[in-house]
Amino acid sequence: MSFCPSISTPQSLSLLSKTKPIINGGDYKLGSRFRASADVPDFLSADWLESRRKKPFGPRLNFSAEEAVNCQLDALKYNDQPRQDYGIEVMYRFAGFDPFERSTYFGPFFDLGQFERFRRIFHHSTYRVLLGHKERKILSSLFVKENRFKQRIWIRGNRPEEEEIFQFTMVQRVGGSWDGYWLTESLLHDGDAFAGGLAY
């Protein structure tokens, strides 16, 4: 038994459409109401396909540990180019923490799974020196192990008398989808960065 036998007849189809069915060699075709419309606007920009092909800037298999640190610092130096906080987005892509667990990326245990929390810490008074910094100098570099690299860097910010020292710890992943990539395990301030607490 059919669910709705009256709809299956050509006469009932003509009641549902704006125009009468067109008979073409015995085939019934529905009117304009049921045809896929060519009037659907195209909301994608002209360069959409090209922009999809571009990979967002982040870890690359051919980066050494030093290059990975340098790329992150360059991104922070030009943080708001091409859009606001783009440099922090690059840092988030290089971050080697599990977004579902608390992380010691900045020293104390923080829940950094949401990008917004990660971003706010960079705007904290201690880490904001990295954003748009004017000058930097490598103080020391050391391979602690074959796949672990530390680098201490002096940063002069764009505000008067703004100077800080930070330590990057980079880890080269072994196995999994990030095998061979250098990711940032931690970015630590040389002092007591969160002595007064932090609402993130």
C-alpha atoms as a PDB file:
ATOM      1  CA  MET A   1       0.000   0.000   0.000  1.00  0.00           C
ATOM      2  CA  SER A   2       1.444   3.343  -0.972  1.00  0.00           C
ATOM      3  CA  PHE A   3       1.764   6.119   1.543  1.00  0.00           C
ATOM      4  CA  CYS A   4       0.035   8.790  -0.517  1.00  0.00           C
ATOM      5  CA  PRO A   5      -1.403   7.353  -3.733  1.00  0.00           C
ATOM      6  CA  SER A   6      -3.001  10.597  -4.873  1.00  0.00           C
ATOM      7  CA  ILE A   7       0.361  12.386  -5.211  1.00  0.00           C
ATOM      8  CA  SER A   8       1.734   9.853  -7.654  1.00  0.00           C
ATOM      9  CA  THR A   9      -0.632  10.845 -10.470  1.00  0.00           C
ATOM     10  CA  PRO A  10       0.338  13.478 -13.061  1.00  0.00           C
ATOM     11  CA  GLN A  11      -2.768  15.497 -12.216  1.00  0.00           C
ATOM     12  CA  SER A  12      -1.736  15.820  -8.574  1.00  0.00           C
ATOM     13  CA  LEU A  13       1.785  16.871  -9.608  1.00  0.00           C
ATOM     14  CA  SER A  14       0.323  19.697 -11.618  1.00  0.00           C
ATOM     15  CA  LEU A  15      -1.484  20.929  -8.511  1.00  0.00           C
ATOM     16  CA  LEU A  16       1.808  21.141  -6.600  1.00  0.00           C
ATOM     17  CA  SER A  17       3.723  23.095  -9.220  1.00  0.00           C
ATOM     18  CA  LYS A  18       3.142  26.599 -10.527  1.00  0.00           C
ATOM     19  CA  THR A  19       3.037  25.411 -14.108  1.00  0.00           C
ATOM     20  CA  LYS A  20       1.469  22.348 -15.618  1.00  0.00           C
ATOM     21  CA  PRO A  21       3.694  19.312 -16.161  1.00  0.00           C
ATOM     22  CA  ILE A  22       5.492  19.223 -19.454  1.00  0.00           C
ATOM     23  CA  ILE A  23       4.992  16.029 -21.380  1.00  0.00           C
ATOM     24  CA  ASN A  24       8.045  15.081 -23.379  1.00  0.00           C
ATOM     25  CA  GLY A  25       7.859  11.678 -24.989  1.00  0.00           C
ATOM     26  CA  GLY A  26       5.709  10.290 -22.190  1.00  0.00           C
ATOM     27  CA  ASP A  27       7.962  11.630 -19.392  1.00  0.00           C
ATOM     28  CA  TYR A  28       6.503  13.993 -16.873  1.00  0.00           C
ATOM     29  CA  LYS A  29       8.734  16.861 -15.774  1.00  0.00           C
ATOM     30  CA  LEU A  30       7.926  19.119 -12.899  1.00  0.00           C
ATOM     31  CA  GLY A  31       7.442  22.837 -13.318  1.00  0.00           C
ATOM     32  CA  SER A  32       9.720  25.668 -12.173  1.00  0.00           C
ATOM     33  CA  ARG A  33       8.827  25.282  -8.516  1.00  0.00           C
ATOM     34  CA  PHE A  34      10.627  21.939  -8.226  1.00  0.00           C
ATOM     35  CA  ARG A  35      13.590  22.548 -10.522  1.00  0.00           C
ATOM     36  CA  ALA A  36      16.986  23.415  -9.098  1.00  0.00           C
ATOM     37  CA  SER A  37      17.211  27.125  -9.456  1.00  0.00           C
ATOM     38  CA  ALA A  38      20.004  28.785 -11.390  1.00  0.00           C
ATOM     39  CA  ASP A  39      19.099  31.971  -9.540  1.00  0.00           C
ATOM     40  CA  VAL A  40      20.940  30.868  -6.373  1.00  0.00           C
ATOM     41  CA  PRO A  41      23.517  33.577  -5.694  1.00  0.00           C
ATOM     42  CA  ASP A  42      27.174  32.649  -5.479  1.00  0.00           C
ATOM     43  CA  PHE A  43      28.405  33.935  -2.110  1.00  0.00           C
ATOM     44  CA  LEU A  44      31.983  32.758  -2.562  1.00  0.00           C
ATOM     45  CA  SER A  45      34.557  35.339  -3.508  1.00  0.00           C
ATOM     46  CA  ALA A  46      36.360  35.152  -6.824  1.00  0.00           C
ATOM     47  CA  ASP A  47      39.596  34.029  -5.138  1.00  0.00           C
ATOM     48  CA  TRP A  48      37.966  31.443  -2.846  1.00  0.00           C
ATOM     49  CA  LEU A  49      39.532  28.425  -4.537  1.00  0.00           C
ATOM     50  CA  GLU A  50      42.984  29.997  -4.511  1.00  0.00           C
ATOM     51  CA  SER A  51      42.678  30.902  -0.828  1.00  0.00           C
ATOM     52  CA  ARG A  52      41.689  27.295  -0.005  1.00  0.00           C
ATOM     53  CA  ARG A  53      44.869  26.035  -1.670  1.00  0.00           C
ATOM     54  CA  LYS A  54      47.090  28.200   0.525  1.00  0.00           C
ATOM     55  CA  LYS A  55      48.106  26.452   3.712  1.00  0.00           C
ATOM     56  CA  PRO A  56      47.915  28.623   6.821  1.00  0.00           C
ATOM     57  CA  PHE A  57      51.344  29.514   8.133  1.00  0.00           C
ATOM     58  CA  GLY A  58      52.494  27.101  10.797  1.00  0.00           C
ATOM     59  CA  PRO A  59      54.892  24.209  11.389  1.00  0.00           C
ATOM     60  CA  ARG A  60      56.686  22.824   8.345  1.00  0.00           C
ATOM     61  CA  LEU A  61      58.520  19.536   8.101  1.00  0.00           C
ATOM     62  CA  ASN A  62      61.593  21.218   6.629  1.00  0.00           C
ATOM     63  CA  PHE A  63      61.972  23.745   9.511  1.00  0.00           C
ATOM     64  CA  SER A  64      64.851  23.295  11.910  1.00  0.00           C
ATOM     65  CA  ALA A  65      64.270  24.143  15.577  1.00  0.00           C
ATOM     66  CA  GLU A  66      65.960  27.545  15.135  1.00  0.00           C
ATOM     67  CA  GLU A  67      63.863  28.336  12.053  1.00  0.00           C
ATOM     68  CA  ALA A  68      60.664  27.393  13.885  1.00  0.00           C
ATOM     69  CA  VAL A  69      61.500  29.805  16.735  1.00  0.00           C
ATOM     70  CA  ASN A  70      62.474  32.550  14.293  1.00  0.00           C
ATOM     71  CA  CYS A  71      59.237  32.168  12.302  1.00  0.00           C
ATOM     72  CA  GLN A  72      57.165  32.450  15.468  1.00  0.00           C
ATOM     73  CA  LEU A  73      59.022  35.566  16.604  1.00  0.00           C
ATOM     74  CA  ASP A  74      58.619  37.153  13.164  1.00  0.00           C
ATOM     75  CA  ALA A  75      54.885  36.446  13.330  1.00  0.00           C
ATOM     76  CA  LEU A  76      54.689  38.145  16.744  1.00  0.00           C
ATOM     77  CA  LYS A  77      56.755  41.106  15.536  1.00  0.00           C
ATOM     78  CA  TYR A  78      54.165  41.732  12.807  1.00  0.00           C
ATOM     79  CA  ASN A  79      51.290  40.442  14.938  1.00  0.00           C
ATOM     80  CA  ASP A  80      48.451  42.394  13.341  1.00  0.00           C
ATOM     81  CA  GLN A  81      49.379  41.672   9.714  1.00  0.00           C
ATOM     82  CA  PRO A  82      47.422  40.591   7.667  1.00  0.00           C
ATOM     83  CA  ARG A  83      44.730  40.719  10.398  1.00  0.00           C
ATOM     84  CA  GLN A  84      44.513  41.402  14.111  1.00  0.00           C
ATOM     85  CA  ASP A  85      46.407  38.883  16.285  1.00  0.00           C
ATOM     86  CA  TYR A  86      47.498  36.798  13.298  1.00  0.00           C
ATOM     87  CA  GLY A  87      50.908  36.344  14.945  1.00  0.00           C
ATOM     88  CA  ILE A  88      49.243  34.782  17.980  1.00  0.00           C
ATOM     89  CA  GLU A  89      47.339  32.440  15.638  1.00  0.00           C
ATOM     90  CA  VAL A  90      50.686  31.309  14.223  1.00  0.00           C
ATOM     91  CA  MET A  91      51.954  30.678  17.765  1.00  0.00           C
ATOM     92  CA  TYR A  92      48.835  28.594  18.474  1.00  0.00           C
ATOM     93  CA  ARG A  93      49.507  26.467  15.382  1.00  0.00           C
ATOM     94  CA  PHE A  94      53.071  25.794  16.591  1.00  0.00           C
ATOM     95  CA  ALA A  95      51.910  24.990  20.140  1.00  0.00           C
ATOM     96  CA  GLY A  96      52.604  21.376  21.034  1.00  0.00           C
ATOM     97  CA  PHE A  97      50.069  20.969  23.840  1.00  0.00           C
ATOM     98  CA  ASP A  98      46.938  18.837  23.961  1.00  0.00           C
ATOM     99  CA  PRO A  99      43.946  21.225  23.822  1.00  0.00           C
ATOM    100  CA  PHE A 100      41.915  18.842  26.004  1.00  0.00           C
ATOM    101  CA  GLU A 101      44.335  18.918  28.943  1.00  0.00           C
ATOM    102  CA  ARG A 102      45.812  21.654  31.110  1.00  0.00           C
ATOM    103  CA  SER A 103      49.162  22.836  29.814  1.00  0.00           C
ATOM    104  CA  THR A 104      52.374  24.305  31.233  1.00  0.00           C
ATOM    105  CA  TYR A 105      53.065  26.163  27.978  1.00  0.00           C
ATOM    106  CA  PHE A 106      53.351  29.480  29.880  1.00  0.00           C
ATOM    107  CA  GLY A 107      54.664  27.945  33.129  1.00  0.00           C
ATOM    108  CA  PRO A 108      51.683  27.424  35.451  1.00  0.00           C
ATOM    109  CA  PHE A 109      48.955  24.951  34.494  1.00  0.00           C
ATOM    110  CA  PHE A 110      46.446  26.708  32.231  1.00  0.00           C
ATOM    111  CA  ASP A 111      43.514  25.455  30.208  1.00  0.00           C
ATOM    112  CA  LEU A 112      44.598  26.657  26.754  1.00  0.00           C
ATOM    113  CA  GLY A 113      42.267  24.551  24.623  1.00  0.00           C
ATOM    114  CA  GLN A 114      40.343  27.629  23.499  1.00  0.00           C
ATOM    115  CA  PHE A 115      42.292  30.040  21.321  1.00  0.00           C
ATOM    116  CA  GLU A 116      40.774  33.043  23.112  1.00  0.00           C
ATOM    117  CA  ARG A 117      42.421  32.034  26.411  1.00  0.00           C
ATOM    118  CA  PHE A 118      45.758  31.563  24.672  1.00  0.00           C
ATOM    119  CA  ARG A 119      45.370  34.979  22.997  1.00  0.00           C
ATOM    120  CA  ARG A 120      44.572  36.775  26.270  1.00  0.00           C
ATOM    121  CA  ILE A 121      47.800  35.605  27.883  1.00  0.00           C
ATOM    122  CA  PHE A 122      49.794  37.216  25.072  1.00  0.00           C
ATOM    123  CA  HIS A 123      48.034  40.493  25.874  1.00  0.00           C
ATOM    124  CA  HIS A 124      49.020  40.180  29.558  1.00  0.00           C
ATOM    125  CA  SER A 125      51.559  42.811  30.651  1.00  0.00           C
ATOM    126  CA  THR A 126      54.427  40.288  30.690  1.00  0.00           C
ATOM    127  CA  TYR A 127      53.936  38.712  27.270  1.00  0.00           C
ATOM    128  CA  ARG A 128      52.702  41.776  25.368  1.00  0.00           C
ATOM    129  CA  VAL A 129      56.333  42.861  24.893  1.00  0.00           C
ATOM    130  CA  LEU A 130      56.486  40.172  22.184  1.00  0.00           C
ATOM    131  CA  LEU A 131      53.669  41.782  20.184  1.00  0.00           C
ATOM    132  CA  GLY A 132      55.147  44.234  17.714  1.00  0.00           C
ATOM    133  CA  HIS A 133      58.599  44.095  19.333  1.00  0.00           C
ATOM    134  CA  LYS A 134      61.332  46.305  17.875  1.00  0.00           C
ATOM    135  CA  GLU A 135      64.443  44.258  18.551  1.00  0.00           C
ATOM    136  CA  ARG A 136      65.526  40.806  19.681  1.00  0.00           C
ATOM    137  CA  LYS A 137      68.769  39.024  20.394  1.00  0.00           C
ATOM    138  CA  ILE A 138      69.510  35.345  20.955  1.00  0.00           C
ATOM    139  CA  LEU A 139      71.229  34.941  24.321  1.00  0.00           C
ATOM    140  CA  SER A 140      71.778  31.180  24.204  1.00  0.00           C
ATOM    141  CA  SER A 141      70.785  28.069  22.257  1.00  0.00           C
ATOM    142  CA  LEU A 142      71.107  24.482  23.399  1.00  0.00           C
ATOM    143  CA  PHE A 143      70.071  21.041  22.176  1.00  0.00           C
ATOM    144  CA  VAL A 144      69.190  19.360  25.472  1.00  0.00           C
ATOM    145  CA  LYS A 145      68.476  16.114  23.615  1.00  0.00           C
ATOM    146  CA  GLU A 146      68.389  15.140  19.981  1.00  0.00           C
ATOM    147  CA  ASN A 147      64.729  16.151  19.751  1.00  0.00           C
ATOM    148  CA  ARG A 148      64.585  18.921  22.406  1.00  0.00           C
ATOM    149  CA  PHE A 149      65.899  22.449  21.852  1.00  0.00           C
ATOM    150  CA  LYS A 150      65.958  25.492  24.161  1.00  0.00           C
ATOM    151  CA  GLN A 151      66.629  29.077  23.196  1.00  0.00           C
ATOM    152  CA  ARG A 152      66.742  32.169  25.427  1.00  0.00           C
ATOM    153  CA  ILE A 153      65.915  35.449  23.715  1.00  0.00           C
ATOM    154  CA  TRP A 154      66.094  39.065  24.837  1.00  0.00           C
ATOM    155  CA  ILE A 155      63.218  41.186  23.494  1.00  0.00           C
ATOM    156  CA  ARG A 156      62.901  44.975  23.375  1.00  0.00           C
ATOM    157  CA  GLY A 157      59.270  45.981  23.002  1.00  0.00           C
ATOM    158  CA  ASN A 158      57.774  48.993  21.281  1.00  0.00           C
ATOM    159  CA  ARG A 159      56.980  50.787  24.567  1.00  0.00           C
ATOM    160  CA  PRO A 160      59.655  52.782  26.443  1.00  0.00           C
ATOM    161  CA  GLU A 161      61.938  50.721  28.698  1.00  0.00           C
ATOM    162  CA  GLU A 162      60.110  47.512  27.825  1.00  0.00           C
ATOM    163  CA  GLU A 163      62.590  44.628  27.866  1.00  0.00           C
ATOM    164  CA  GLU A 164      62.069  40.992  28.761  1.00  0.00           C
ATOM    165  CA  ILE A 165      63.814  37.639  28.397  1.00  0.00           C
ATOM    166  CA  PHE A 166      61.937  34.550  27.227  1.00  0.00           C
ATOM    167  CA  GLN A 167      62.841  30.911  26.810  1.00  0.00           C
ATOM    168  CA  PHE A 168      61.451  28.763  24.003  1.00  0.00           C
ATOM    169  CA  THR A 169      61.452  24.995  24.439  1.00  0.00           C
ATOM    170  CA  MET A 170      60.962  23.212  21.132  1.00  0.00           C
ATOM    171  CA  VAL A 171      60.277  19.489  20.811  1.00  0.00           C
ATOM    172  CA  GLN A 172      60.551  17.442  17.641  1.00  0.00           C
ATOM    173  CA  ARG A 173      57.672  14.982  17.559  1.00  0.00           C
ATOM    174  CA  VAL A 174      58.331  11.312  16.914  1.00  0.00           C
ATOM    175  CA  GLY A 175      55.460   9.292  15.457  1.00  0.00           C
ATOM    176  CA  GLY A 176      51.901  10.313  14.727  1.00  0.00           C
ATOM    177  CA  SER A 177      50.702  12.950  12.295  1.00  0.00           C
ATOM    178  CA  TRP A 178      53.306  15.500  13.502  1.00  0.00           C
ATOM    179  CA  ASP A 179      56.279  13.146  13.099  1.00  0.00           C
ATOM    180  CA  GLY A 180      59.431  15.185  12.477  1.00  0.00           C
ATOM    181  CA  TYR A 181      57.847  18.605  13.138  1.00  0.00           C
ATOM    182  CA  TRP A 182      59.303  21.039  15.678  1.00  0.00           C
ATOM    183  CA  LEU A 183      56.527  22.264  17.992  1.00  0.00           C
ATOM    184  CA  THR A 184      56.685  24.663  20.931  1.00  0.00           C
ATOM    185  CA  GLU A 185      56.446  22.869  24.257  1.00  0.00           C
ATOM    186  CA  SER A 186      56.734  26.054  26.306  1.00  0.00           C
ATOM    187  CA  LEU A 187      57.351  29.783  26.108  1.00  0.00           C
ATOM    188  CA  LEU A 188      58.497  30.935  29.525  1.00  0.00           C
ATOM    189  CA  HIS A 189      59.228  34.387  30.892  1.00  0.00           C
ATOM    190  CA  ASP A 190      62.488  34.653  32.830  1.00  0.00           C
ATOM    191  CA  GLY A 191      60.829  36.215  35.861  1.00  0.00           C
ATOM    192  CA  ASP A 192      57.712  35.489  37.879  1.00  0.00           C
ATOM    193  CA  ALA A 193      55.298  36.396  35.098  1.00  0.00           C
ATOM    194  CA  PHE A 194      52.038  35.658  36.896  1.00  0.00           C
ATOM    195  CA  ALA A 195      52.902  36.733  40.452  1.00  0.00           C
ATOM    196  CA  GLY A 196      49.801  38.909  40.718  1.00  0.00           C
ATOM    197  CA  GLY A 197      47.571  36.274  39.163  1.00  0.00           C
ATOM    198  CA  LEU A 198      45.910  36.227  35.785  1.00  0.00           C
ATOM    199  CA  ALA A 199      42.260  36.222  34.826  1.00  0.00           C
ATOM    200  CA  TYR A 200      42.249  34.509  31.477  1.00  0.00           C
END
